[in-house]
Amino acid sequence: MNTITGLRLLPWSDPEGRPCYLASDSDDSPLNRRADQVEALQLSMGTELLGHARALLGDRKADARELRFLANRLCEALRDVLRVAESRGSRLPVHDEGDRVTDRAGPTGE
């Protein structure tokens, strides 16, 4: 989980592969909307890749090169989906034992 509160984990990395974060006071900012679009695209591509994977794995004539290529693409898709899940999970409200809703930064009321 992201230990830095108030920041959104973006669905892309910097050129060195480090995670990128966004600090924004609006969920409707242009960069937040772009991140939402990229996440939707990544999830859609993962779903499509899964269909291709099922077909290729069912093909007894698939060779090692094709399967290795598939495995690499599946690893990339899994990385993207896990990043989306982490980002979205860190933005979910948290309920304490008294059923008070808090965000990751602290209490927001009852």
C-alpha atoms as a PDB file:
ATOM      1  CA  MET A   1       0.000   0.000   0.000  1.00  0.00           C
ATOM      2  CA  ASN A   2       1.124   3.541  -0.638  1.00  0.00           C
ATOM      3  CA  THR A   3       2.447   4.992   2.606  1.00  0.00           C
ATOM      4  CA  ILE A   4       2.476   8.508   1.156  1.00  0.00           C
ATOM      5  CA  THR A   5      -0.977   9.935   1.916  1.00  0.00           C
ATOM      6  CA  GLY A   6      -2.881  12.274  -0.330  1.00  0.00           C
ATOM      7  CA  LEU A   7      -1.039  11.169  -3.463  1.00  0.00           C
ATOM      8  CA  ARG A   8      -2.409   9.150  -6.356  1.00  0.00           C
ATOM      9  CA  LEU A   9      -0.230   6.423  -7.820  1.00  0.00           C
ATOM     10  CA  LEU A  10      -0.334   7.022 -11.573  1.00  0.00           C
ATOM     11  CA  PRO A  11      -0.616   4.148 -14.060  1.00  0.00           C
ATOM     12  CA  TRP A  12       2.814   4.828 -15.572  1.00  0.00           C
ATOM     13  CA  SER A  13       6.427   5.015 -14.447  1.00  0.00           C
ATOM     14  CA  ASP A  14       9.187   7.522 -15.063  1.00  0.00           C
ATOM     15  CA  PRO A  15      11.921   6.665 -17.602  1.00  0.00           C
ATOM     16  CA  GLU A  16      13.916   4.881 -14.863  1.00  0.00           C
ATOM     17  CA  GLY A  17      10.921   2.697 -13.941  1.00  0.00           C
ATOM     18  CA  ARG A  18      10.100   4.485 -10.674  1.00  0.00           C
ATOM     19  CA  PRO A  19       6.431   5.063  -9.781  1.00  0.00           C
ATOM     20  CA  CYS A  20       4.858   8.451 -10.504  1.00  0.00           C
ATOM     21  CA  TYR A  21       2.435  10.152  -8.120  1.00  0.00           C
ATOM     22  CA  LEU A  22      -0.041  13.003  -8.479  1.00  0.00           C
ATOM     23  CA  ALA A  23      -0.961  15.505  -5.787  1.00  0.00           C
ATOM     24  CA  SER A  24      -4.234  17.141  -6.793  1.00  0.00           C
ATOM     25  CA  ASP A  25      -7.068  18.829  -4.975  1.00  0.00           C
ATOM     26  CA  SER A  26      -9.590  17.676  -7.603  1.00  0.00           C
ATOM     27  CA  ASP A  27     -10.525  14.217  -8.829  1.00  0.00           C
ATOM     28  CA  ASP A  28     -11.588  15.950 -12.046  1.00  0.00           C
ATOM     29  CA  SER A  29      -8.232  17.550 -12.865  1.00  0.00           C
ATOM     30  CA  PRO A  30      -6.920  16.992 -16.414  1.00  0.00           C
ATOM     31  CA  LEU A  31      -4.134  14.686 -15.188  1.00  0.00           C
ATOM     32  CA  ASN A  32      -6.539  12.682 -13.009  1.00  0.00           C
ATOM     33  CA  ARG A  33      -8.862  12.244 -15.997  1.00  0.00           C
ATOM     34  CA  ARG A  34      -5.907  11.171 -18.169  1.00  0.00           C
ATOM     35  CA  ALA A  35      -4.816   8.660 -15.525  1.00  0.00           C
ATOM     36  CA  ASP A  36      -8.379   7.268 -15.434  1.00  0.00           C
ATOM     37  CA  GLN A  37      -8.288   6.869 -19.231  1.00  0.00           C
ATOM     38  CA  VAL A  38      -4.910   5.122 -19.154  1.00  0.00           C
ATOM     39  CA  GLU A  39      -6.107   2.761 -16.393  1.00  0.00           C
ATOM     40  CA  ALA A  40      -9.227   1.897 -18.411  1.00  0.00           C
ATOM     41  CA  LEU A  41      -7.075   1.230 -21.479  1.00  0.00           C
ATOM     42  CA  GLN A  42      -4.660  -0.955 -19.497  1.00  0.00           C
ATOM     43  CA  LEU A  43      -7.522  -3.022 -18.060  1.00  0.00           C
ATOM     44  CA  SER A  44      -9.124  -3.383 -21.494  1.00  0.00           C
ATOM     45  CA  MET A  45      -5.837  -4.464 -23.060  1.00  0.00           C
ATOM     46  CA  GLY A  46      -5.323  -7.001 -20.262  1.00  0.00           C
ATOM     47  CA  THR A  47      -8.764  -8.469 -20.909  1.00  0.00           C
ATOM     48  CA  GLU A  48      -8.058  -8.719 -24.635  1.00  0.00           C
ATOM     49  CA  LEU A  49      -4.650 -10.285 -23.996  1.00  0.00           C
ATOM     50  CA  LEU A  50      -6.238 -12.885 -21.741  1.00  0.00           C
ATOM     51  CA  GLY A  51      -8.481 -13.948 -24.627  1.00  0.00           C
ATOM     52  CA  HIS A  52      -5.464 -14.287 -26.922  1.00  0.00           C
ATOM     53  CA  ALA A  53      -3.628 -16.242 -24.227  1.00  0.00           C
ATOM     54  CA  ARG A  54      -6.455 -18.734 -23.869  1.00  0.00           C
ATOM     55  CA  ALA A  55      -6.490 -19.278 -27.640  1.00  0.00           C
ATOM     56  CA  LEU A  56      -2.714 -19.668 -27.898  1.00  0.00           C
ATOM     57  CA  LEU A  57      -2.492 -22.020 -24.925  1.00  0.00           C
ATOM     58  CA  GLY A  58      -5.187 -24.171 -26.527  1.00  0.00           C
ATOM     59  CA  ASP A  59      -3.155 -24.405 -29.741  1.00  0.00           C
ATOM     60  CA  ARG A  60      -0.950 -27.507 -29.553  1.00  0.00           C
ATOM     61  CA  LYS A  61       1.144 -26.137 -32.445  1.00  0.00           C
ATOM     62  CA  ALA A  62       2.251 -23.033 -30.503  1.00  0.00           C
ATOM     63  CA  ASP A  63       6.043 -22.998 -30.230  1.00  0.00           C
ATOM     64  CA  ALA A  64       8.305 -21.868 -27.401  1.00  0.00           C
ATOM     65  CA  ARG A  65       8.968 -18.469 -29.018  1.00  0.00           C
ATOM     66  CA  GLU A  66       5.238 -17.692 -29.182  1.00  0.00           C
ATOM     67  CA  LEU A  67       4.679 -18.845 -25.616  1.00  0.00           C
ATOM     68  CA  ARG A  68       7.638 -16.808 -24.342  1.00  0.00           C
ATOM     69  CA  PHE A  69       6.270 -13.710 -26.119  1.00  0.00           C
ATOM     70  CA  LEU A  70       2.854 -14.379 -24.568  1.00  0.00           C
ATOM     71  CA  ALA A  71       4.365 -14.812 -21.098  1.00  0.00           C
ATOM     72  CA  ASN A  72       6.187 -11.477 -21.393  1.00  0.00           C
ATOM     73  CA  ARG A  73       3.002  -9.664 -22.471  1.00  0.00           C
ATOM     74  CA  LEU A  74       1.041 -11.316 -19.644  1.00  0.00           C
ATOM     75  CA  CYS A  75       3.695 -10.147 -17.142  1.00  0.00           C
ATOM     76  CA  GLU A  76       3.373  -6.586 -18.448  1.00  0.00           C
ATOM     77  CA  ALA A  77      -0.424  -6.729 -18.235  1.00  0.00           C
ATOM     78  CA  LEU A  78      -0.295  -8.153 -14.707  1.00  0.00           C
ATOM     79  CA  ARG A  79       2.105  -5.376 -13.635  1.00  0.00           C
ATOM     80  CA  ASP A  80      -0.299  -2.764 -15.037  1.00  0.00           C
ATOM     81  CA  VAL A  81      -3.364  -4.320 -13.399  1.00  0.00           C
ATOM     82  CA  LEU A  82      -1.606  -4.599 -10.035  1.00  0.00           C
ATOM     83  CA  ARG A  83      -0.622  -0.924 -10.252  1.00  0.00           C
ATOM     84  CA  VAL A  84      -4.248   0.024 -11.028  1.00  0.00           C
ATOM     85  CA  ALA A  85      -5.455  -2.093  -8.090  1.00  0.00           C
ATOM     86  CA  GLU A  86      -2.899  -0.518  -5.741  1.00  0.00           C
ATOM     87  CA  SER A  87      -3.796   2.987  -6.898  1.00  0.00           C
ATOM     88  CA  ARG A  88      -7.537   2.445  -6.584  1.00  0.00           C
ATOM     89  CA  GLY A  89      -7.216   0.581  -3.296  1.00  0.00           C
ATOM     90  CA  SER A  90      -5.207   3.371  -1.704  1.00  0.00           C
ATOM     91  CA  ARG A  91      -7.998   5.809  -2.591  1.00  0.00           C
ATOM     92  CA  LEU A  92     -10.802   3.792  -0.974  1.00  0.00           C
ATOM     93  CA  PRO A  93     -12.255   5.156   2.244  1.00  0.00           C
ATOM     94  CA  VAL A  94     -11.354   3.272   5.400  1.00  0.00           C
ATOM     95  CA  HIS A  95     -13.946   2.406   8.072  1.00  0.00           C
ATOM     96  CA  ASP A  96     -12.759   2.283  11.658  1.00  0.00           C
ATOM     97  CA  GLU A  97     -14.351   0.192  14.421  1.00  0.00           C
ATOM     98  CA  GLY A  98     -16.821   2.992  15.234  1.00  0.00           C
ATOM     99  CA  ASP A  99     -17.917   2.925  11.562  1.00  0.00           C
ATOM    100  CA  ARG A 100     -16.435   6.368  10.984  1.00  0.00           C
ATOM    101  CA  VAL A 101     -15.231   6.906   7.456  1.00  0.00           C
ATOM    102  CA  THR A 102     -11.668   8.079   7.106  1.00  0.00           C
ATOM    103  CA  ASP A 103      -9.515   8.620   4.073  1.00  0.00           C
ATOM    104  CA  ARG A 104      -5.848   7.671   4.039  1.00  0.00           C
ATOM    105  CA  ALA A 105      -4.991  11.123   5.434  1.00  0.00           C
ATOM    106  CA  GLY A 106      -7.269  10.947   8.502  1.00  0.00           C
ATOM    107  CA  PRO A 107     -10.878  11.247   9.741  1.00  0.00           C
ATOM    108  CA  THR A 108     -13.455  13.007   7.588  1.00  0.00           C
ATOM    109  CA  GLY A 109     -16.384  12.894   9.961  1.00  0.00           C
ATOM    110  CA  GLU A 110     -19.237  10.522  10.663  1.00  0.00           C
END
